[in-house]
């Protein structure tokens, strides 16, 4: 997929990876870029800054996502690319058990990292299928293919995000729907601020959001399902598939290298 001339929507578009994607899509000649984010004043200011249309949106609200999609379709006729990108961070907490995070964090991550993707697809699919084309870029994480040491909720919900992207690709590939799943390791955004180089996720280096956007442009051009800005992730993924026991042992060793599980 070439971005030039396309109608693109980016959730979580006011900062981090979403901001980098939106600005890059504009630079690539998108016909329209719509950014959506939680805080109305911030997303409005960012939209004015970069030349994107701006919408306040809580991605946990299915009716709000449906209204956003309907608004964009009404103005532009259709959506070519929906980037379901919003995400949050969070850790297990003391005593650093896999059950350490409270239910509030589990629920928020479930709603933002998975259900927002479901809501976006549910809203976009009818017109995309009718047109015989459409593209979803779902931001997950390398944690969705591997694991995030120190955050069971993040790992679990990002795995769910990858699985849902797979379901979209399997179920609707014959309808002309394309799907890419973005799975970076540490990225220099507000989410990784104060983590000493990205913590455990930064063992292979922290990328800029702009570098991730470049990887996305290349991945969309190739229509690759997995977009891996950190190429090491593919090797780790293959190691995991080859020998779960050895991979689990390696992950336990990596955990022990840090004074606490998130490497603060």
Protein backbone atom coordinates (compact mmCIF):
# COMPACT_ATOMS: atom_id res chain seq x y z
CA UNK A 1 0.00 0.00 0.00
CA UNK A 2 1.21 3.44 -0.94
CA UNK A 3 0.06 6.22 1.38
CA UNK A 4 -0.14 8.92 -1.29
CA UNK A 5 -3.76 9.85 -1.92
CA UNK A 6 -5.12 7.72 0.93
CA UNK A 7 -7.51 8.53 3.78
CA UNK A 8 -5.78 7.55 7.04
CA UNK A 9 -7.02 7.48 10.64
CA UNK A 10 -4.59 7.18 13.56
CA UNK A 11 -5.70 6.66 17.15
CA UNK A 12 -3.28 7.75 19.83
CA UNK A 13 -2.20 10.24 17.20
CA UNK A 14 -1.27 13.19 19.40
CA UNK A 15 2.03 11.80 20.64
CA UNK A 16 4.62 9.05 20.33
CA UNK A 17 4.28 6.50 17.55
CA UNK A 18 0.87 7.83 16.54
CA UNK A 19 2.23 11.35 16.05
CA UNK A 20 5.16 10.01 14.03
CA UNK A 21 2.82 7.97 11.85
CA UNK A 22 0.49 10.90 11.22
CA UNK A 23 3.28 13.31 10.30
CA UNK A 24 4.89 10.71 8.05
CA UNK A 25 1.60 9.96 6.30
CA UNK A 26 1.18 13.68 5.61
CA UNK A 27 4.71 13.83 4.23
CA UNK A 28 3.96 10.82 2.03
CA UNK A 29 1.07 12.71 0.41
CA UNK A 30 -1.98 11.24 2.13
CA UNK A 31 -5.19 12.84 0.94
CA UNK A 32 -6.35 13.26 4.55
CA UNK A 33 -4.98 12.25 7.94
CA UNK A 34 -7.30 12.11 10.93
CA UNK A 35 -5.79 11.85 14.39
CA UNK A 36 -7.77 10.84 17.46
CA UNK A 37 -6.64 11.04 21.06
CA UNK A 38 -8.06 11.24 24.55
CA UNK A 39 -7.59 14.91 25.45
CA UNK A 40 -9.50 17.29 23.20
CA UNK A 41 -7.25 20.33 23.70
CA UNK A 42 -4.04 18.44 23.03
CA UNK A 43 -5.23 16.57 19.95
CA UNK A 44 -6.72 19.78 18.55
CA UNK A 45 -3.42 21.63 18.98
CA UNK A 46 -1.46 18.77 17.41
CA UNK A 47 -3.86 18.56 14.49
CA UNK A 48 -3.45 22.28 13.82
CA UNK A 49 0.32 21.93 14.09
CA UNK A 50 0.75 19.12 11.58
CA UNK A 51 -2.23 19.73 9.30
CA UNK A 52 -4.37 16.79 10.36
CA UNK A 53 -8.02 16.63 11.27
CA UNK A 54 -8.42 16.10 15.01
CA UNK A 55 -10.99 14.24 17.10
CA UNK A 56 -11.19 13.70 20.84
CA UNK A 57 -11.68 9.99 21.45
CA UNK A 58 -11.62 7.46 24.27
CA UNK A 59 -10.86 4.22 22.43
CA UNK A 60 -12.55 2.25 25.22
CA UNK A 61 -15.89 3.65 24.03
CA UNK A 62 -17.21 1.64 21.10
CA UNK A 63 -19.89 4.19 20.27
CA UNK A 64 -17.25 6.92 20.08
CA UNK A 65 -15.13 4.88 17.67
CA UNK A 66 -18.19 4.14 15.54
CA UNK A 67 -19.03 7.85 15.49
CA UNK A 68 -15.46 8.73 14.43
CA UNK A 69 -15.55 6.21 11.58
CA UNK A 70 -18.98 7.42 10.46
CA UNK A 71 -17.78 11.04 10.51
CA UNK A 72 -14.70 10.31 8.42
CA UNK A 73 -16.68 8.20 5.95
CA UNK A 74 -19.32 10.91 5.64
CA UNK A 75 -16.69 13.55 4.86
CA UNK A 76 -14.28 11.54 2.73
CA UNK A 77 -16.39 8.67 1.43
CA UNK A 78 -14.29 5.89 2.90
CA UNK A 79 -11.27 5.02 5.05
CA UNK A 80 -8.27 3.45 3.34
CA UNK A 81 -6.11 2.85 6.42
CA UNK A 82 -7.19 2.64 10.05
CA UNK A 83 -4.27 2.65 12.47
CA UNK A 84 -5.44 1.32 15.83
CA UNK A 85 -2.47 2.61 17.75
CA UNK A 86 -3.52 3.84 21.21
CA UNK A 87 -1.77 2.11 24.09
CA UNK A 88 -0.74 2.46 27.72
CA UNK A 89 2.04 1.17 29.95
CA UNK A 90 1.87 -0.40 33.39
CA UNK A 91 3.73 -2.91 35.53
CA UNK A 92 2.99 -5.79 37.87
CA UNK A 93 4.15 -3.94 40.96
CA UNK A 94 5.35 -5.27 44.31
CA UNK A 95 6.09 -8.06 45.02
CA UNK A 96 6.64 -8.44 41.24
CA UNK A 97 4.44 -11.48 40.89
CA UNK A 98 2.66 -12.23 37.61
CA UNK A 99 -0.54 -11.54 39.55
CA UNK A 100 0.74 -8.28 41.04
CA UNK A 101 -1.16 -5.78 38.88
CA UNK A 102 -4.59 -4.77 40.11
CA UNK A 103 -7.81 -5.46 38.26
CA UNK A 104 -8.16 -1.84 37.17
CA UNK A 105 -4.94 -2.04 35.16
CA UNK A 106 -5.87 -5.41 33.71
CA UNK A 107 -9.23 -4.04 32.55
CA UNK A 108 -7.81 -0.81 31.10
CA UNK A 109 -5.19 -2.71 29.11
CA UNK A 110 -7.77 -5.20 27.91
CA UNK A 111 -10.03 -2.42 26.65
CA UNK A 112 -7.28 -0.28 25.08
CA UNK A 113 -4.96 -2.96 23.70
CA UNK A 114 -7.58 -5.36 22.39
CA UNK A 115 -11.16 -4.19 22.41
CA UNK A 116 -10.37 -0.86 20.75
CA UNK A 117 -9.02 -2.87 17.80
CA UNK A 118 -12.22 -4.93 17.73
CA UNK A 119 -14.36 -1.78 17.86
CA UNK A 120 -12.41 -0.14 15.02
CA UNK A 121 -12.67 -3.20 12.80
CA UNK A 122 -16.37 -3.62 13.58
CA UNK A 123 -17.00 -0.03 12.51
CA UNK A 124 -14.79 -0.05 9.41
CA UNK A 125 -15.40 -3.49 7.93
CA UNK A 126 -18.84 -3.00 6.38
CA UNK A 127 -17.76 -0.28 3.95
CA UNK A 128 -14.31 -1.78 3.44
CA UNK A 129 -15.80 -5.13 2.48
CA UNK A 130 -18.37 -3.44 0.24
CA UNK A 131 -15.52 -1.65 -1.57
CA UNK A 132 -13.40 -4.80 -1.68
CA UNK A 133 -10.44 -3.06 -0.06
CA UNK A 134 -9.23 -1.57 3.19
CA UNK A 135 -6.22 -1.76 5.48
CA UNK A 136 -5.78 -2.12 9.24
CA UNK A 137 -2.50 -1.30 10.96
CA UNK A 138 -2.81 -2.55 14.53
CA UNK A 139 -0.08 -1.53 16.95
CA UNK A 140 0.80 -4.39 19.27
CA UNK A 141 4.34 -4.88 20.60
CA UNK A 142 7.21 -7.32 20.54
CA UNK A 143 5.70 -8.28 23.90
CA UNK A 144 2.77 -9.69 21.92
CA UNK A 145 5.12 -12.15 20.24
CA UNK A 146 7.50 -12.70 23.15
CA UNK A 147 6.78 -11.30 26.63
CA UNK A 148 7.17 -8.11 28.65
CA UNK A 149 9.11 -8.94 31.80
CA UNK A 150 7.48 -7.21 34.75
CA UNK A 151 4.06 -6.64 33.18
CA UNK A 152 1.79 -9.62 32.75
CA UNK A 153 -1.18 -7.42 31.71
CA UNK A 154 0.85 -5.79 28.96
CA UNK A 155 2.13 -9.13 27.67
CA UNK A 156 -1.27 -10.81 27.74
CA UNK A 157 -3.20 -8.00 26.08
CA UNK A 158 -0.56 -7.45 23.42
CA UNK A 159 -0.67 -11.17 22.63
CA UNK A 160 -4.42 -10.76 22.26
CA UNK A 161 -3.86 -7.83 19.90
CA UNK A 162 -1.62 -9.95 17.68
CA UNK A 163 -4.15 -12.78 17.72
CA UNK A 164 -6.99 -10.48 16.72
CA UNK A 165 -4.91 -9.07 13.86
CA UNK A 166 -4.35 -12.66 12.72
CA UNK A 167 -8.09 -13.28 12.86
CA UNK A 168 -8.77 -10.20 10.75
CA UNK A 169 -6.21 -11.30 8.17
CA UNK A 170 -7.49 -14.89 8.04
CA UNK A 171 -11.18 -14.10 8.00
CA UNK A 172 -11.17 -11.10 5.69
CA UNK A 173 -8.18 -11.55 3.39
CA UNK A 174 -10.49 -12.89 0.70
CA UNK A 175 -12.64 -9.77 1.13
CA UNK A 176 -9.73 -7.59 0.05
CA UNK A 177 -8.78 -6.53 3.58
CA UNK A 178 -5.10 -6.12 4.38
CA UNK A 179 -3.70 -6.26 7.90
CA UNK A 180 -0.34 -5.33 9.40
CA UNK A 181 0.63 -5.79 13.03
CA UNK A 182 3.28 -3.42 14.36
CA UNK A 183 5.49 -5.05 17.01
CA UNK A 184 8.39 -2.85 18.17
CA UNK A 185 10.50 -3.24 21.27
CA UNK A 186 11.43 -0.07 23.18
CA UNK A 187 10.52 3.22 21.48
CA UNK A 188 11.47 6.67 22.75
CA UNK A 189 8.04 7.93 23.79
CA UNK A 190 6.34 9.10 26.97
CA UNK A 191 5.60 5.45 27.77
CA UNK A 192 9.32 4.67 28.14
CA UNK A 193 10.31 7.89 29.87
CA UNK A 194 12.24 7.22 33.06
CA UNK A 195 12.91 3.56 32.29
CA UNK A 196 16.68 3.85 31.84
CA UNK A 197 16.88 3.11 28.14
CA UNK A 198 13.58 1.30 27.88
CA UNK A 199 14.21 -1.21 30.65
CA UNK A 200 14.17 -4.85 29.63
CA UNK A 201 12.51 -3.96 26.31
CA UNK A 202 15.49 -1.76 25.48
CA UNK A 203 18.15 -4.47 25.51
CA UNK A 204 18.50 -4.15 21.73
CA UNK A 205 18.38 -0.37 21.80
CA UNK A 206 15.60 2.18 21.85
CA UNK A 207 14.31 3.44 18.51
CA UNK A 208 12.87 6.85 17.80
CA UNK A 209 9.20 7.05 16.90
CA UNK A 210 10.30 8.37 13.50
CA UNK A 211 12.33 5.20 12.89
CA UNK A 212 9.24 3.15 13.71
CA UNK A 213 7.22 5.24 11.25
CA UNK A 214 9.82 4.52 8.56
CA UNK A 215 9.50 0.79 9.27
CA UNK A 216 5.73 1.14 8.96
CA UNK A 217 6.01 2.83 5.56
CA UNK A 218 8.22 -0.01 4.35
CA UNK A 219 5.93 -2.64 5.88
CA UNK A 220 2.80 -1.13 4.34
CA UNK A 221 4.53 -0.92 0.99
CA UNK A 222 5.35 -4.65 1.19
CA UNK A 223 1.94 -5.40 2.80
CA UNK A 224 3.75 -7.42 5.46
CA UNK A 225 1.64 -8.83 8.27
CA UNK A 226 4.37 -8.41 10.88
CA UNK A 227 6.20 -5.10 10.96
CA UNK A 228 9.26 -5.48 13.18
CA UNK A 229 11.24 -2.24 13.58
CA UNK A 230 13.72 -4.17 15.75
CA UNK A 231 14.85 -6.99 13.41
CA UNK A 232 16.12 -9.04 16.36
CA UNK A 233 12.52 -9.80 17.29
CA UNK A 234 12.17 -12.21 14.37
CA UNK A 235 15.13 -14.23 15.66
CA UNK A 236 13.66 -14.33 19.16
CA UNK A 237 10.29 -15.35 17.75
CA UNK A 238 11.86 -18.24 15.88
CA UNK A 239 13.83 -19.28 18.98
CA UNK A 240 10.60 -19.35 20.98
CA UNK A 241 8.90 -21.51 18.36
CA UNK A 242 11.89 -23.85 18.11
CA UNK A 243 12.22 -24.54 21.83
CA UNK A 244 9.82 -23.12 24.38
CA UNK A 245 11.84 -24.50 27.28
CA UNK A 246 15.07 -22.88 26.14
CA UNK A 247 13.27 -19.60 25.41
CA UNK A 248 11.64 -19.57 28.86
CA UNK A 249 15.02 -20.21 30.45
CA UNK A 250 16.53 -17.34 28.51
CA UNK A 251 13.74 -15.01 29.58
CA UNK A 252 14.23 -15.98 33.23
CA UNK A 253 17.94 -15.24 32.83
CA UNK A 254 17.14 -11.86 31.30
CA UNK A 255 14.82 -11.08 34.21
CA UNK A 256 17.61 -11.82 36.67
CA UNK A 257 19.91 -9.31 34.97
CA UNK A 258 17.80 -6.45 36.29
CA UNK A 259 17.54 -5.39 39.90
CA UNK A 260 13.79 -5.42 39.49
CA UNK A 261 11.68 -6.93 36.71
CA UNK A 262 11.14 -3.73 34.77
CA UNK A 263 14.74 -2.58 34.92
CA UNK A 264 14.14 0.73 36.71
